Amino acid sequence: MTYSPQSAPRFEQKTLISINSSTSFRLAHTTLYQPVLEHIRTLENHIQKVLSLSGQLIEKQTAVDVGSFELHQLCREDSYDE
């Protein structure tokens, strides 16, 4: 018997893992990844907190800068009056 690329396969190809075991395989891996997912959630919460605090700090710094600008301007105006 000779091989030809056009010949049909004589045996059906089957996957090594059945559909049922594939589902259980994925579920097992989900439980293995659980600590990693929790760590990612913790990191996301920390990042959100840092972003929130950074925003508050920027707002306060802007208010301080504007306030100090106004004080400098008042000092200049006072020095011109003398």
C-alpha atoms as a PDB file:
ATOM      1  CA  MET A   1       0.000   0.000   0.000  1.00  0.00           C
ATOM      2  CA  THR A   2       1.342   3.413  -0.925  1.00  0.00           C
ATOM      3  CA  TYR A   3       0.748   6.743   0.795  1.00  0.00           C
ATOM      4  CA  SER A   4      -0.922   9.553  -1.051  1.00  0.00           C
ATOM      5  CA  PRO A   5      -1.658  13.041   0.361  1.00  0.00           C
ATOM      6  CA  GLN A   6      -5.166  12.781  -1.100  1.00  0.00           C
ATOM      7  CA  SER A   7      -6.005   9.529   0.670  1.00  0.00           C
ATOM      8  CA  ALA A   8      -8.455   9.734   3.545  1.00  0.00           C
ATOM      9  CA  PRO A   9      -7.207   8.840   7.023  1.00  0.00           C
ATOM     10  CA  ARG A  10      -8.124   5.337   8.106  1.00  0.00           C
ATOM     11  CA  PHE A  11      -8.473   6.227  11.786  1.00  0.00           C
ATOM     12  CA  GLU A  12     -10.354   9.071  13.423  1.00  0.00           C
ATOM     13  CA  GLN A  13      -8.196  11.547  15.263  1.00  0.00           C
ATOM     14  CA  LYS A  14      -9.115  11.879  18.910  1.00  0.00           C
ATOM     15  CA  THR A  15      -7.939  14.385  21.443  1.00  0.00           C
ATOM     16  CA  LEU A  16      -5.834  13.096  24.282  1.00  0.00           C
ATOM     17  CA  ILE A  17      -8.134  14.685  26.867  1.00  0.00           C
ATOM     18  CA  SER A  18     -11.868  14.146  26.700  1.00  0.00           C
ATOM     19  CA  ILE A  19     -14.278  17.058  27.006  1.00  0.00           C
ATOM     20  CA  ASN A  20     -15.265  16.074  30.548  1.00  0.00           C
ATOM     21  CA  SER A  21     -11.708  15.826  31.805  1.00  0.00           C
ATOM     22  CA  SER A  22     -10.882  19.088  30.037  1.00  0.00           C
ATOM     23  CA  THR A  23     -13.539  20.839  32.139  1.00  0.00           C
ATOM     24  CA  SER A  24     -12.232  19.336  35.348  1.00  0.00           C
ATOM     25  CA  PHE A  25      -8.702  20.216  34.238  1.00  0.00           C
ATOM     26  CA  ARG A  26      -9.707  23.879  33.862  1.00  0.00           C
ATOM     27  CA  LEU A  27     -11.492  23.884  37.212  1.00  0.00           C
ATOM     28  CA  ALA A  28      -8.424  22.442  38.901  1.00  0.00           C
ATOM     29  CA  HIS A  29      -6.258  25.153  37.390  1.00  0.00           C
ATOM     30  CA  THR A  30      -8.724  27.841  38.466  1.00  0.00           C
ATOM     31  CA  THR A  31      -8.336  26.766  42.082  1.00  0.00           C
ATOM     32  CA  LEU A  32      -4.556  26.706  41.665  1.00  0.00           C
ATOM     33  CA  TYR A  33      -4.611  30.284  40.369  1.00  0.00           C
ATOM     34  CA  GLN A  34      -6.835  31.514  43.220  1.00  0.00           C
ATOM     35  CA  PRO A  35      -3.939  32.862  45.369  1.00  0.00           C
ATOM     36  CA  VAL A  36      -2.546  34.684  42.337  1.00  0.00           C
ATOM     37  CA  LEU A  37      -5.947  36.242  41.600  1.00  0.00           C
ATOM     38  CA  GLU A  38      -6.275  37.370  45.219  1.00  0.00           C
ATOM     39  CA  HIS A  39      -2.809  38.922  45.075  1.00  0.00           C
ATOM     40  CA  ILE A  40      -3.735  40.754  41.863  1.00  0.00           C
ATOM     41  CA  ARG A  41      -6.906  42.083  43.547  1.00  0.00           C
ATOM     42  CA  THR A  42      -4.820  43.296  46.492  1.00  0.00           C
ATOM     43  CA  LEU A  43      -2.397  45.039  44.132  1.00  0.00           C
ATOM     44  CA  GLU A  44      -5.297  46.672  42.271  1.00  0.00           C
ATOM     45  CA  ASN A  45      -6.697  47.983  45.569  1.00  0.00           C
ATOM     46  CA  HIS A  46      -3.287  49.380  46.547  1.00  0.00           C
ATOM     47  CA  ILE A  47      -2.898  51.043  43.154  1.00  0.00           C
ATOM     48  CA  GLN A  48      -6.357  52.636  43.457  1.00  0.00           C
ATOM     49  CA  LYS A  49      -5.438  53.941  46.924  1.00  0.00           C
ATOM     50  CA  VAL A  50      -2.148  55.405  45.624  1.00  0.00           C
ATOM     51  CA  LEU A  51      -3.961  57.072  42.719  1.00  0.00           C
ATOM     52  CA  SER A  52      -6.559  58.528  45.067  1.00  0.00           C
ATOM     53  CA  LEU A  53      -3.945  59.844  47.494  1.00  0.00           C
ATOM     54  CA  SER A  54      -1.860  61.220  44.617  1.00  0.00           C
ATOM     55  CA  GLY A  55      -4.896  63.081  43.309  1.00  0.00           C
ATOM     56  CA  GLN A  56      -5.562  64.563  46.749  1.00  0.00           C
ATOM     57  CA  LEU A  57      -1.913  65.574  47.095  1.00  0.00           C
ATOM     58  CA  ILE A  58      -1.916  67.244  43.678  1.00  0.00           C
ATOM     59  CA  GLU A  59      -5.091  69.182  44.573  1.00  0.00           C
ATOM     60  CA  LYS A  60      -3.583  70.337  47.875  1.00  0.00           C
ATOM     61  CA  GLN A  61      -0.267  71.244  46.227  1.00  0.00           C
ATOM     62  CA  THR A  62      -2.114  73.241  43.568  1.00  0.00           C
ATOM     63  CA  ALA A  63      -4.022  75.101  46.284  1.00  0.00           C
ATOM     64  CA  VAL A  64      -0.749  75.815  48.110  1.00  0.00           C
ATOM     65  CA  ASP A  65       0.941  77.010  44.908  1.00  0.00           C
ATOM     66  CA  VAL A  66      -1.957  79.309  44.063  1.00  0.00           C
ATOM     67  CA  GLY A  67      -2.003  80.627  47.630  1.00  0.00           C
ATOM     68  CA  SER A  68       1.732  81.278  47.655  1.00  0.00           C
ATOM     69  CA  PHE A  69       1.475  82.969  44.251  1.00  0.00           C
ATOM     70  CA  GLU A  70      -1.159  85.311  45.659  1.00  0.00           C
ATOM     71  CA  LEU A  71       1.064  86.043  48.678  1.00  0.00           C
ATOM     72  CA  HIS A  72       4.052  86.806  46.430  1.00  0.00           C
ATOM     73  CA  GLN A  73       1.927  89.105  44.334  1.00  0.00           C
ATOM     74  CA  LEU A  74       0.651  90.954  47.431  1.00  0.00           C
ATOM     75  CA  CYS A  75       4.225  91.333  48.695  1.00  0.00           C
ATOM     76  CA  ARG A  76       5.310  92.781  45.354  1.00  0.00           C
ATOM     77  CA  GLU A  77       2.389  95.201  45.314  1.00  0.00           C
ATOM     78  CA  ASP A  78       3.256  96.279  48.869  1.00  0.00           C
ATOM     79  CA  SER A  79       6.897  96.827  47.921  1.00  0.00           C
ATOM     80  CA  TYR A  80       5.848  98.986  44.957  1.00  0.00           C
ATOM     81  CA  ASP A  81       3.710 101.120  47.271  1.00  0.00           C
ATOM     82  CA  GLU A  82       6.691 101.990  49.478  1.00  0.00           C
END
